[in-house]
Amino acid sequence: MPREFHATFSAHWRRYVYLLPVRSLAPSTGQGAGALRSVLAGADVSAEALHAQLQPLLGEERDYSALGRGLPKKKSTRCTLLAASARPVRLAYTGATDAGGGEMIGTEAVRIEVVADRFLRKQIRTLVGTAIIAARDCPDEPRELLARACGGRAEDTAPPAPAIGLCFAEAGYEPFRCLD
């Protein structure tokens, strides 16, 4: 490993995945599960609608200051989203039972994946929350998320979605190549 290598600053891109429960069959236990349900209550949107909202964000360096939270002054708020998708998935539970003692199959979810050259603090969680609102309120206007995310006004965005759904997936040290 070269001495100049730094795991954060040498990365060309980062990939995050956010799992958004759609219809949970699990009991609401613990603060994390309850928080996730309360923030997403009434947010029954399709993966296709979320995917359509994400696509206009791709490929150009943009100012995402509206999506960042608690940002240091004078730090750049420009990022380039390299890939983004939303697709339905099913998360399985092992050995879980419902209140009646019956085995539960799992939960339907939307897997939101975002790849960018860099991310701002809380950008992905705020992006997820704002995408839900844009897809729910403006399903026929796929550029609504772009307007809210890049409009420069945090008031036009949603609060960050709960951290419980966010997962760092990988970092890349070579230029990004989309495999789709």
N, C-alpha and C. Protein backbone atom coordinates (compact mmCIF):
# COMPACT_ATOMS: atom_id res chain seq x y z
N MET A 1 0.85 -1.17 0.00
CA MET A 1 0.00 0.00 0.00
C MET A 1 0.90 1.24 0.00
N PRO A 2 0.68 2.14 -0.95
CA PRO A 2 1.50 3.36 -0.98
C PRO A 2 1.27 4.21 0.27
N ARG A 3 2.29 4.86 0.70
CA ARG A 3 2.22 5.68 1.90
C ARG A 3 1.20 6.82 1.75
N GLU A 4 0.98 7.30 0.52
CA GLU A 4 0.06 8.41 0.27
C GLU A 4 -1.40 7.97 0.32
N PHE A 5 -1.66 6.66 0.34
CA PHE A 5 -3.04 6.16 0.31
C PHE A 5 -3.79 6.56 1.57
N HIS A 6 -5.02 7.01 1.39
CA HIS A 6 -5.92 7.32 2.50
C HIS A 6 -7.28 6.75 2.13
N ALA A 7 -7.84 5.92 2.98
CA ALA A 7 -9.08 5.21 2.67
C ALA A 7 -10.22 6.15 2.28
N THR A 8 -10.31 7.30 2.89
CA THR A 8 -11.38 8.25 2.57
C THR A 8 -11.02 9.12 1.38
N PHE A 9 -9.87 9.75 1.43
CA PHE A 9 -9.53 10.76 0.43
C PHE A 9 -9.05 10.16 -0.89
N SER A 10 -8.68 8.90 -0.92
CA SER A 10 -8.26 8.26 -2.17
C SER A 10 -9.42 7.65 -2.94
N ALA A 11 -10.59 7.56 -2.34
CA ALA A 11 -11.75 6.94 -3.01
C ALA A 11 -12.26 7.84 -4.14
N HIS A 12 -12.55 7.21 -5.28
CA HIS A 12 -13.14 7.92 -6.41
C HIS A 12 -14.66 8.01 -6.27
N TRP A 13 -15.25 7.02 -5.61
CA TRP A 13 -16.70 6.98 -5.44
C TRP A 13 -17.05 6.14 -4.22
N ARG A 14 -18.29 6.34 -3.75
CA ARG A 14 -18.83 5.58 -2.62
C ARG A 14 -20.24 5.12 -2.99
N ARG A 15 -20.62 3.95 -2.48
CA ARG A 15 -21.96 3.40 -2.74
C ARG A 15 -22.65 3.17 -1.40
N TYR A 16 -23.89 3.69 -1.29
CA TYR A 16 -24.72 3.47 -0.12
C TYR A 16 -26.02 2.82 -0.56
N VAL A 17 -26.59 2.03 0.34
CA VAL A 17 -27.88 1.41 0.11
C VAL A 17 -28.79 1.80 1.27
N TYR A 18 -30.02 2.18 0.95
CA TYR A 18 -31.02 2.48 1.98
C TYR A 18 -32.17 1.51 1.77
N LEU A 19 -32.52 0.76 2.80
CA LEU A 19 -33.65 -0.17 2.75
C LEU A 19 -34.85 0.49 3.41
N LEU A 20 -35.88 0.66 2.61
CA LEU A 20 -37.07 1.37 3.02
C LEU A 20 -38.23 0.38 3.11
N PRO A 21 -38.64 0.01 4.32
CA PRO A 21 -39.76 -0.93 4.46
C PRO A 21 -41.03 -0.36 3.85
N VAL A 22 -41.74 -1.22 3.15
CA VAL A 22 -43.00 -0.81 2.54
C VAL A 22 -44.16 -1.33 3.36
N ARG A 23 -44.11 -2.61 3.67
CA ARG A 23 -45.18 -3.23 4.44
C ARG A 23 -44.51 -4.23 5.39
N SER A 24 -44.36 -3.84 6.63
CA SER A 24 -43.66 -4.69 7.57
C SER A 24 -44.59 -5.72 8.20
N LEU A 25 -44.09 -6.94 8.31
CA LEU A 25 -44.83 -7.99 9.00
C LEU A 25 -44.24 -8.24 10.38
N ALA A 26 -43.17 -7.52 10.68
CA ALA A 26 -42.52 -7.69 11.98
C ALA A 26 -43.17 -6.78 13.01
N PRO A 27 -43.21 -7.22 14.27
CA PRO A 27 -43.73 -6.33 15.30
C PRO A 27 -42.81 -5.13 15.47
N SER A 28 -43.37 -4.01 15.87
CA SER A 28 -42.57 -2.81 16.10
C SER A 28 -41.90 -2.94 17.45
N THR A 29 -40.61 -3.27 17.43
CA THR A 29 -39.87 -3.41 18.68
C THR A 29 -38.68 -2.48 18.66
N GLY A 30 -38.39 -1.90 19.76
CA GLY A 30 -37.22 -1.04 19.88
C GLY A 30 -37.45 0.34 19.27
N GLN A 31 -36.61 1.25 19.64
CA GLN A 31 -36.74 2.62 19.17
C GLN A 31 -36.53 2.73 17.67
N GLY A 32 -35.59 1.97 17.11
CA GLY A 32 -35.29 2.06 15.68
C GLY A 32 -36.47 1.70 14.82
N ALA A 33 -37.11 0.57 15.08
CA ALA A 33 -38.24 0.14 14.26
C ALA A 33 -39.40 1.11 14.39
N GLY A 34 -39.69 1.58 15.58
CA GLY A 34 -40.78 2.53 15.78
C GLY A 34 -40.51 3.84 15.07
N ALA A 35 -39.26 4.31 15.14
CA ALA A 35 -38.91 5.56 14.47
C ALA A 35 -39.08 5.42 12.97
N LEU A 36 -38.68 4.30 12.43
CA LEU A 36 -38.79 4.09 10.99
C LEU A 36 -40.24 4.12 10.56
N ARG A 37 -41.10 3.44 11.30
CA ARG A 37 -42.52 3.44 10.96
C ARG A 37 -43.14 4.83 11.03
N SER A 38 -42.83 5.58 12.08
CA SER A 38 -43.49 6.88 12.25
C SER A 38 -43.07 7.87 11.18
N VAL A 39 -41.81 7.87 10.78
CA VAL A 39 -41.34 8.79 9.75
C VAL A 39 -41.94 8.43 8.40
N LEU A 40 -42.13 7.15 8.14
CA LEU A 40 -42.59 6.70 6.83
C LEU A 40 -44.09 6.45 6.78
N ALA A 41 -44.80 6.78 7.85
CA ALA A 41 -46.25 6.57 7.86
C ALA A 41 -46.89 7.35 6.72
N GLY A 42 -47.74 6.69 5.99
CA GLY A 42 -48.43 7.33 4.88
C GLY A 42 -47.57 7.52 3.65
N ALA A 43 -46.38 6.98 3.66
CA ALA A 43 -45.46 7.16 2.53
C ALA A 43 -45.47 5.92 1.64
N ASP A 44 -46.64 5.49 1.25
CA ASP A 44 -46.76 4.31 0.41
C ASP A 44 -46.52 4.70 -1.04
N VAL A 45 -45.25 4.68 -1.45
CA VAL A 45 -44.87 5.03 -2.81
C VAL A 45 -44.20 3.82 -3.45
N SER A 46 -44.27 3.74 -4.75
CA SER A 46 -43.70 2.60 -5.46
C SER A 46 -42.21 2.81 -5.72
N ALA A 47 -41.52 1.70 -5.89
CA ALA A 47 -40.11 1.75 -6.25
C ALA A 47 -39.94 2.45 -7.60
N GLU A 48 -40.88 2.22 -8.50
CA GLU A 48 -40.80 2.84 -9.83
C GLU A 48 -40.88 4.36 -9.73
N ALA A 49 -41.77 4.87 -8.87
CA ALA A 49 -41.90 6.32 -8.69
C ALA A 49 -40.63 6.91 -8.08
N LEU A 50 -40.06 6.22 -7.10
CA LEU A 50 -38.81 6.68 -6.49
C LEU A 50 -37.68 6.66 -7.51
N HIS A 51 -37.60 5.59 -8.29
CA HIS A 51 -36.56 5.45 -9.31
C HIS A 51 -36.65 6.61 -10.32
N ALA A 52 -37.86 6.93 -10.75
CA ALA A 52 -38.05 8.01 -11.72
C ALA A 52 -37.60 9.35 -11.13
N GLN A 53 -37.81 9.57 -9.84
CA GLN A 53 -37.39 10.82 -9.21
C GLN A 53 -35.86 10.92 -9.11
N LEU A 54 -35.19 9.78 -8.96
CA LEU A 54 -33.73 9.78 -8.79
C LEU A 54 -32.97 10.03 -10.10
N GLN A 55 -33.53 9.61 -11.22
CA GLN A 55 -32.79 9.64 -12.49
C GLN A 55 -32.34 11.03 -12.94
N PRO A 56 -33.13 12.09 -12.81
CA PRO A 56 -32.65 13.42 -13.25
C PRO A 56 -31.46 13.96 -12.47
N LEU A 57 -31.13 13.35 -11.33
CA LEU A 57 -30.01 13.81 -10.51
C LEU A 57 -28.65 13.35 -11.05
N LEU A 58 -28.65 12.39 -11.94
CA LEU A 58 -27.41 11.71 -12.33
C LEU A 58 -26.55 12.48 -13.32
N GLY A 59 -25.23 12.27 -13.17
CA GLY A 59 -24.28 12.64 -14.20
C GLY A 59 -23.69 14.03 -14.18
N GLU A 60 -24.26 14.97 -13.48
CA GLU A 60 -23.73 16.33 -13.45
C GLU A 60 -23.34 16.71 -12.03
N GLU A 61 -22.26 17.45 -11.91
CA GLU A 61 -21.91 18.00 -10.61
C GLU A 61 -22.96 19.05 -10.26
N ARG A 62 -23.53 18.93 -9.06
CA ARG A 62 -24.59 19.85 -8.63
C ARG A 62 -24.35 20.27 -7.18
N ASP A 63 -24.99 21.36 -6.82
CA ASP A 63 -24.93 21.85 -5.44
C ASP A 63 -26.06 21.18 -4.65
N TYR A 64 -25.69 20.36 -3.68
CA TYR A 64 -26.66 19.64 -2.86
C TYR A 64 -26.74 20.21 -1.44
N SER A 65 -26.45 21.49 -1.28
CA SER A 65 -26.47 22.10 0.05
C SER A 65 -27.83 21.94 0.74
N ALA A 66 -28.92 21.89 -0.02
CA ALA A 66 -30.25 21.74 0.57
C ALA A 66 -30.41 20.38 1.26
N LEU A 67 -29.64 19.38 0.84
CA LEU A 67 -29.76 18.04 1.42
C LEU A 67 -28.81 17.80 2.58
N GLY A 68 -27.77 18.59 2.71
CA GLY A 68 -26.80 18.40 3.79
C GLY A 68 -27.34 18.98 5.09
N ARG A 69 -26.87 18.44 6.20
CA ARG A 69 -27.26 18.93 7.52
C ARG A 69 -26.00 19.10 8.36
N GLY A 70 -25.90 20.22 9.06
CA GLY A 70 -24.76 20.48 9.93
C GLY A 70 -23.45 20.55 9.18
N LEU A 71 -23.44 21.23 8.04
CA LEU A 71 -22.24 21.29 7.20
C LEU A 71 -21.27 22.35 7.69
N PRO A 72 -19.96 22.06 7.62
CA PRO A 72 -18.97 23.07 7.98
C PRO A 72 -19.01 24.23 6.98
N LYS A 73 -18.81 25.43 7.48
CA LYS A 73 -18.79 26.60 6.59
C LYS A 73 -17.61 26.49 5.64
N LYS A 74 -17.80 26.97 4.44
CA LYS A 74 -16.77 27.06 3.40
C LYS A 74 -16.40 25.70 2.80
N LYS A 75 -17.03 24.61 3.23
CA LYS A 75 -16.76 23.32 2.61
C LYS A 75 -17.67 23.19 1.38
N SER A 76 -17.14 22.66 0.31
CA SER A 76 -17.91 22.53 -0.92
C SER A 76 -19.14 21.63 -0.71
N THR A 77 -20.24 22.02 -1.31
CA THR A 77 -21.48 21.24 -1.24
C THR A 77 -21.81 20.64 -2.61
N ARG A 78 -20.84 20.63 -3.50
CA ARG A 78 -21.05 20.10 -4.84
C ARG A 78 -20.64 18.63 -4.88
N CYS A 79 -21.51 17.83 -5.49
CA CYS A 79 -21.28 16.39 -5.63
C CYS A 79 -21.78 15.95 -7.00
N THR A 80 -21.30 14.80 -7.45
CA THR A 80 -21.80 14.21 -8.69
C THR A 80 -22.38 12.85 -8.36
N LEU A 81 -23.68 12.69 -8.57
CA LEU A 81 -24.29 11.38 -8.41
C LEU A 81 -24.02 10.58 -9.68
N LEU A 82 -23.38 9.44 -9.54
CA LEU A 82 -22.95 8.63 -10.66
C LEU A 82 -23.96 7.56 -11.03
N ALA A 83 -24.70 7.09 -10.05
CA ALA A 83 -25.73 6.07 -10.29
C ALA A 83 -26.73 6.15 -9.15
N ALA A 84 -27.97 5.85 -9.45
CA ALA A 84 -29.02 5.81 -8.42
C ALA A 84 -30.15 4.93 -8.94
N SER A 85 -30.69 4.14 -8.04
CA SER A 85 -31.80 3.27 -8.43
C SER A 85 -32.67 2.98 -7.23
N ALA A 86 -33.90 2.59 -7.52
CA ALA A 86 -34.83 2.13 -6.49
C ALA A 86 -35.54 0.93 -7.07
N ARG A 87 -35.55 -0.17 -6.31
CA ARG A 87 -36.21 -1.37 -6.80
C ARG A 87 -36.83 -2.13 -5.64
N PRO A 88 -37.92 -2.85 -5.91
CA PRO A 88 -38.55 -3.61 -4.83
C PRO A 88 -37.72 -4.84 -4.46
N VAL A 89 -37.69 -5.14 -3.17
CA VAL A 89 -37.02 -6.35 -2.67
C VAL A 89 -37.87 -6.93 -1.55
N ARG A 90 -37.59 -8.15 -1.18
CA ARG A 90 -38.27 -8.79 -0.05
C ARG A 90 -37.20 -9.20 0.96
N LEU A 91 -37.34 -8.73 2.19
CA LEU A 91 -36.40 -9.05 3.25
C LEU A 91 -36.99 -10.18 4.09
N ALA A 92 -36.26 -11.25 4.25
CA ALA A 92 -36.77 -12.41 4.98
C ALA A 92 -36.34 -12.35 6.44
N TYR A 93 -37.19 -12.89 7.29
CA TYR A 93 -36.88 -13.05 8.71
C TYR A 93 -36.62 -14.52 8.97
N THR A 94 -35.72 -14.81 9.87
CA THR A 94 -35.44 -16.19 10.24
C THR A 94 -35.98 -16.45 11.63
N GLY A 95 -36.95 -17.33 11.73
CA GLY A 95 -37.47 -17.75 13.02
C GLY A 95 -38.34 -16.74 13.72
N ALA A 96 -38.73 -15.67 13.09
CA ALA A 96 -39.59 -14.67 13.74
C ALA A 96 -41.03 -15.17 13.74
N THR A 97 -41.76 -14.83 14.78
CA THR A 97 -43.17 -15.21 14.86
C THR A 97 -44.02 -13.99 15.15
N ASP A 98 -45.27 -14.04 14.71
CA ASP A 98 -46.17 -12.93 14.98
C ASP A 98 -46.81 -13.11 16.36
N ALA A 99 -47.69 -12.21 16.75
CA ALA A 99 -48.31 -12.24 18.07
C ALA A 99 -49.07 -13.54 18.31
N GLY A 100 -49.61 -14.16 17.26
CA GLY A 100 -50.35 -15.41 17.39
C GLY A 100 -49.46 -16.64 17.35
N GLY A 101 -48.15 -16.47 17.25
CA GLY A 101 -47.23 -17.60 17.24
C GLY A 101 -46.94 -18.14 15.84
N GLY A 102 -47.57 -17.55 14.81
CA GLY A 102 -47.32 -18.00 13.44
C GLY A 102 -46.02 -17.44 12.90
N GLU A 103 -45.37 -18.21 12.02
CA GLU A 103 -44.10 -17.75 11.45
C GLU A 103 -44.36 -16.63 10.45
N MET A 104 -43.53 -15.62 10.53
CA MET A 104 -43.66 -14.48 9.62
C MET A 104 -42.69 -14.67 8.46
N ILE A 105 -43.13 -14.29 7.29
CA ILE A 105 -42.33 -14.47 6.08
C ILE A 105 -41.29 -13.38 5.94
N GLY A 106 -41.64 -12.15 6.19
CA GLY A 106 -40.70 -11.06 6.04
C GLY A 106 -41.40 -9.77 5.73
N THR A 107 -40.70 -8.90 5.05
CA THR A 107 -41.26 -7.60 4.74
C THR A 107 -40.89 -7.20 3.32
N GLU A 108 -41.79 -6.50 2.69
CA GLU A 108 -41.50 -5.92 1.40
C GLU A 108 -40.76 -4.62 1.66
N ALA A 109 -39.80 -4.30 0.79
CA ALA A 109 -39.02 -3.08 0.97
C ALA A 109 -38.64 -2.53 -0.39
N VAL A 110 -38.17 -1.31 -0.37
CA VAL A 110 -37.57 -0.70 -1.55
C VAL A 110 -36.09 -0.52 -1.24
N ARG A 111 -35.26 -0.99 -2.15
CA ARG A 111 -33.80 -0.86 -2.02
C ARG A 111 -33.38 0.34 -2.86
N ILE A 112 -32.95 1.40 -2.18
CA ILE A 112 -32.48 2.60 -2.86
C ILE A 112 -30.96 2.58 -2.80
N GLU A 113 -30.35 2.63 -3.97
CA GLU A 113 -28.90 2.59 -4.06
C GLU A 113 -28.41 3.88 -4.70
N VAL A 114 -27.39 4.48 -4.09
CA VAL A 114 -26.86 5.75 -4.59
C VAL A 114 -25.33 5.65 -4.61
N VAL A 115 -24.75 6.05 -5.75
CA VAL A 115 -23.30 6.10 -5.92
C VAL A 115 -22.93 7.53 -6.29
N ALA A 116 -21.92 8.08 -5.61
CA ALA A 116 -21.48 9.45 -5.91
C ALA A 116 -19.99 9.59 -5.64
N ASP A 117 -19.44 10.67 -6.16
CA ASP A 117 -18.02 10.92 -5.91
C ASP A 117 -17.76 11.31 -4.46
N ARG A 118 -18.77 11.88 -3.81
CA ARG A 118 -18.69 12.22 -2.40
C ARG A 118 -20.10 12.49 -1.91
N PHE A 119 -20.29 12.51 -0.60
CA PHE A 119 -21.59 12.80 -0.02
C PHE A 119 -21.43 13.82 1.09
N LEU A 120 -22.46 14.60 1.28
CA LEU A 120 -22.51 15.54 2.38
C LEU A 120 -23.07 14.83 3.61
N ARG A 121 -22.89 15.44 4.77
CA ARG A 121 -23.41 14.88 6.02
C ARG A 121 -24.94 14.79 5.93
N LYS A 122 -25.47 13.62 6.16
CA LYS A 122 -26.91 13.30 6.13
C LYS A 122 -27.56 13.47 4.76
N GLN A 123 -26.76 13.59 3.71
CA GLN A 123 -27.30 13.80 2.37
C GLN A 123 -28.18 12.63 1.91
N ILE A 124 -27.75 11.42 2.10
CA ILE A 124 -28.51 10.28 1.60
C ILE A 124 -29.82 10.14 2.34
N ARG A 125 -29.79 10.25 3.66
CA ARG A 125 -31.02 10.13 4.43
C ARG A 125 -32.01 11.23 4.09
N THR A 126 -31.52 12.45 3.87
CA THR A 126 -32.40 13.55 3.47
C THR A 126 -32.90 13.34 2.05
N LEU A 127 -32.04 12.81 1.18
CA LEU A 127 -32.44 12.49 -0.19
C LEU A 127 -33.57 11.46 -0.20
N VAL A 128 -33.46 10.43 0.63
CA VAL A 128 -34.50 9.40 0.70
C VAL A 128 -35.83 10.01 1.17
N GLY A 129 -35.80 10.78 2.25
CA GLY A 129 -37.02 11.41 2.75
C GLY A 129 -37.65 12.34 1.73
N THR A 130 -36.82 13.12 1.04
CA THR A 130 -37.32 14.06 0.05
C THR A 130 -37.83 13.33 -1.19
N ALA A 131 -37.18 12.25 -1.57
CA ALA A 131 -37.64 11.45 -2.72
C ALA A 131 -39.02 10.85 -2.44
N ILE A 132 -39.25 10.42 -1.21
CA ILE A 132 -40.56 9.87 -0.83
C ILE A 132 -41.64 10.93 -1.00
N ILE A 133 -41.37 12.13 -0.51
CA ILE A 133 -42.34 13.21 -0.63
C ILE A 133 -42.57 13.57 -2.10
N ALA A 134 -41.49 13.70 -2.87
CA ALA A 134 -41.62 14.06 -4.28
C ALA A 134 -42.39 13.00 -5.05
N ALA A 135 -42.10 11.72 -4.80
CA ALA A 135 -42.78 10.63 -5.51
C ALA A 135 -44.25 10.54 -5.11
N ARG A 136 -44.53 10.82 -3.84
CA ARG A 136 -45.92 10.75 -3.36
C ARG A 136 -46.74 11.95 -3.84
N ASP A 137 -46.17 13.15 -3.72
CA ASP A 137 -46.92 14.37 -4.01
C ASP A 137 -46.93 14.75 -5.49
N CYS A 138 -45.89 14.35 -6.22
CA CYS A 138 -45.76 14.75 -7.63
C CYS A 138 -45.36 13.55 -8.49
N PRO A 139 -46.17 12.49 -8.51
CA PRO A 139 -45.76 11.27 -9.23
C PRO A 139 -45.61 11.48 -10.74
N ASP A 140 -46.25 12.49 -11.29
CA ASP A 140 -46.16 12.73 -12.74
C ASP A 140 -45.09 13.76 -13.10
N GLU A 141 -44.35 14.21 -12.12
CA GLU A 141 -43.29 15.20 -12.37
C GLU A 141 -41.96 14.64 -11.86
N PRO A 142 -41.23 13.89 -12.71
CA PRO A 142 -40.00 13.23 -12.26
C PRO A 142 -38.85 14.19 -11.94
N ARG A 143 -38.98 15.47 -12.23
CA ARG A 143 -37.93 16.42 -11.90
C ARG A 143 -38.18 17.16 -10.58
N GLU A 144 -39.22 16.74 -9.84
CA GLU A 144 -39.54 17.39 -8.57
C GLU A 144 -38.42 17.21 -7.55
N LEU A 145 -37.86 16.02 -7.46
CA LEU A 145 -36.76 15.78 -6.52
C LEU A 145 -35.55 16.63 -6.90
N LEU A 146 -35.25 16.72 -8.18
CA LEU A 146 -34.13 17.56 -8.64
C LEU A 146 -34.33 19.00 -8.18
N ALA A 147 -35.53 19.53 -8.34
CA ALA A 147 -35.80 20.91 -7.94
C ALA A 147 -35.62 21.10 -6.44
N ARG A 148 -36.10 20.15 -5.65
CA ARG A 148 -35.98 20.27 -4.19
C ARG A 148 -34.54 20.05 -3.72
N ALA A 149 -33.87 19.05 -4.29
CA ALA A 149 -32.52 18.69 -3.84
C ALA A 149 -31.49 19.74 -4.22
N CYS A 150 -31.67 20.38 -5.35
CA CYS A 150 -30.66 21.33 -5.85
C CYS A 150 -31.14 22.77 -5.80
N GLY A 151 -32.23 23.03 -5.12
CA GLY A 151 -32.77 24.38 -5.04
C GLY A 151 -32.08 25.27 -4.03
N GLY A 152 -31.21 24.70 -3.21
CA GLY A 152 -30.47 25.51 -2.24
C GLY A 152 -31.21 25.85 -0.97
N ARG A 153 -32.44 25.35 -0.81
CA ARG A 153 -33.24 25.68 0.38
C ARG A 153 -33.57 24.41 1.15
N ALA A 154 -33.00 24.27 2.33
CA ALA A 154 -33.26 23.10 3.17
C ALA A 154 -34.74 23.00 3.52
N GLU A 155 -35.45 24.13 3.55
CA GLU A 155 -36.88 24.13 3.88
C GLU A 155 -37.70 23.36 2.84
N ASP A 156 -37.17 23.19 1.63
CA ASP A 156 -37.89 22.48 0.57
C ASP A 156 -37.65 20.98 0.61
N THR A 157 -36.81 20.53 1.55
CA THR A 157 -36.49 19.10 1.65
C THR A 157 -37.12 18.52 2.91
N ALA A 158 -37.16 17.21 2.96
CA ALA A 158 -37.71 16.49 4.11
C ALA A 158 -36.66 16.36 5.20
N PRO A 159 -37.10 16.05 6.41
CA PRO A 159 -36.11 15.70 7.45
C PRO A 159 -35.40 14.41 7.03
N PRO A 160 -34.20 14.18 7.54
CA PRO A 160 -33.50 12.94 7.20
C PRO A 160 -34.31 11.71 7.61
N ALA A 161 -34.32 10.71 6.74
CA ALA A 161 -34.93 9.41 7.08
C ALA A 161 -34.09 8.79 8.20
N PRO A 162 -34.66 7.87 8.96
CA PRO A 162 -33.90 7.26 10.07
C PRO A 162 -32.62 6.56 9.61
N ALA A 163 -31.60 6.64 10.43
CA ALA A 163 -30.31 6.03 10.11
C ALA A 163 -30.40 4.51 10.02
N ILE A 164 -31.40 3.91 10.65
CA ILE A 164 -31.50 2.46 10.70
C ILE A 164 -31.58 1.81 9.32
N GLY A 165 -32.04 2.51 8.31
CA GLY A 165 -32.15 1.92 6.98
C GLY A 165 -30.92 2.09 6.11
N LEU A 166 -29.93 2.86 6.56
CA LEU A 166 -28.78 3.21 5.73
C LEU A 166 -27.61 2.26 5.94
N CYS A 167 -26.97 1.87 4.83
CA CYS A 167 -25.81 0.97 4.91
C CYS A 167 -24.75 1.41 3.90
N PHE A 168 -23.54 1.59 4.38
CA PHE A 168 -22.42 1.85 3.46
C PHE A 168 -22.11 0.54 2.77
N ALA A 169 -22.11 0.51 1.44
CA ALA A 169 -21.91 -0.74 0.71
C ALA A 169 -20.48 -0.92 0.23
N GLU A 170 -19.88 0.13 -0.33
CA GLU A 170 -18.49 0.00 -0.80
C GLU A 170 -17.93 1.35 -1.23
N ALA A 171 -16.61 1.36 -1.35
CA ALA A 171 -15.90 2.51 -1.90
C ALA A 171 -15.07 2.01 -3.06
N GLY A 172 -14.92 2.84 -4.08
CA GLY A 172 -14.14 2.45 -5.25
C GLY A 172 -12.91 3.32 -5.40
N TYR A 173 -11.81 2.69 -5.73
CA TYR A 173 -10.54 3.39 -5.85
C TYR A 173 -10.06 3.50 -7.29
N GLU A 174 -10.93 3.13 -8.20
CA GLU A 174 -10.73 3.32 -9.64
C GLU A 174 -11.93 4.12 -10.12
N PRO A 175 -11.84 4.77 -11.28
CA PRO A 175 -13.02 5.50 -11.79
C PRO A 175 -14.25 4.58 -11.87
N PHE A 176 -15.40 5.14 -11.59
CA PHE A 176 -16.65 4.38 -11.55
C PHE A 176 -17.06 3.93 -12.94
N ARG A 177 -17.47 2.66 -13.04
CA ARG A 177 -18.04 2.12 -14.27
C ARG A 177 -19.37 1.46 -13.91
N CYS A 178 -20.44 1.96 -14.48
CA CYS A 178 -21.75 1.42 -14.22
C CYS A 178 -21.90 0.06 -14.87
N LEU A 179 -22.37 -0.93 -14.12
CA LEU A 179 -22.50 -2.29 -14.64
C LEU A 179 -23.86 -2.58 -15.22
N ASP A 180 -24.81 -1.64 -15.12
CA ASP A 180 -26.17 -1.90 -15.62
C ASP A 180 -26.21 -1.96 -17.12
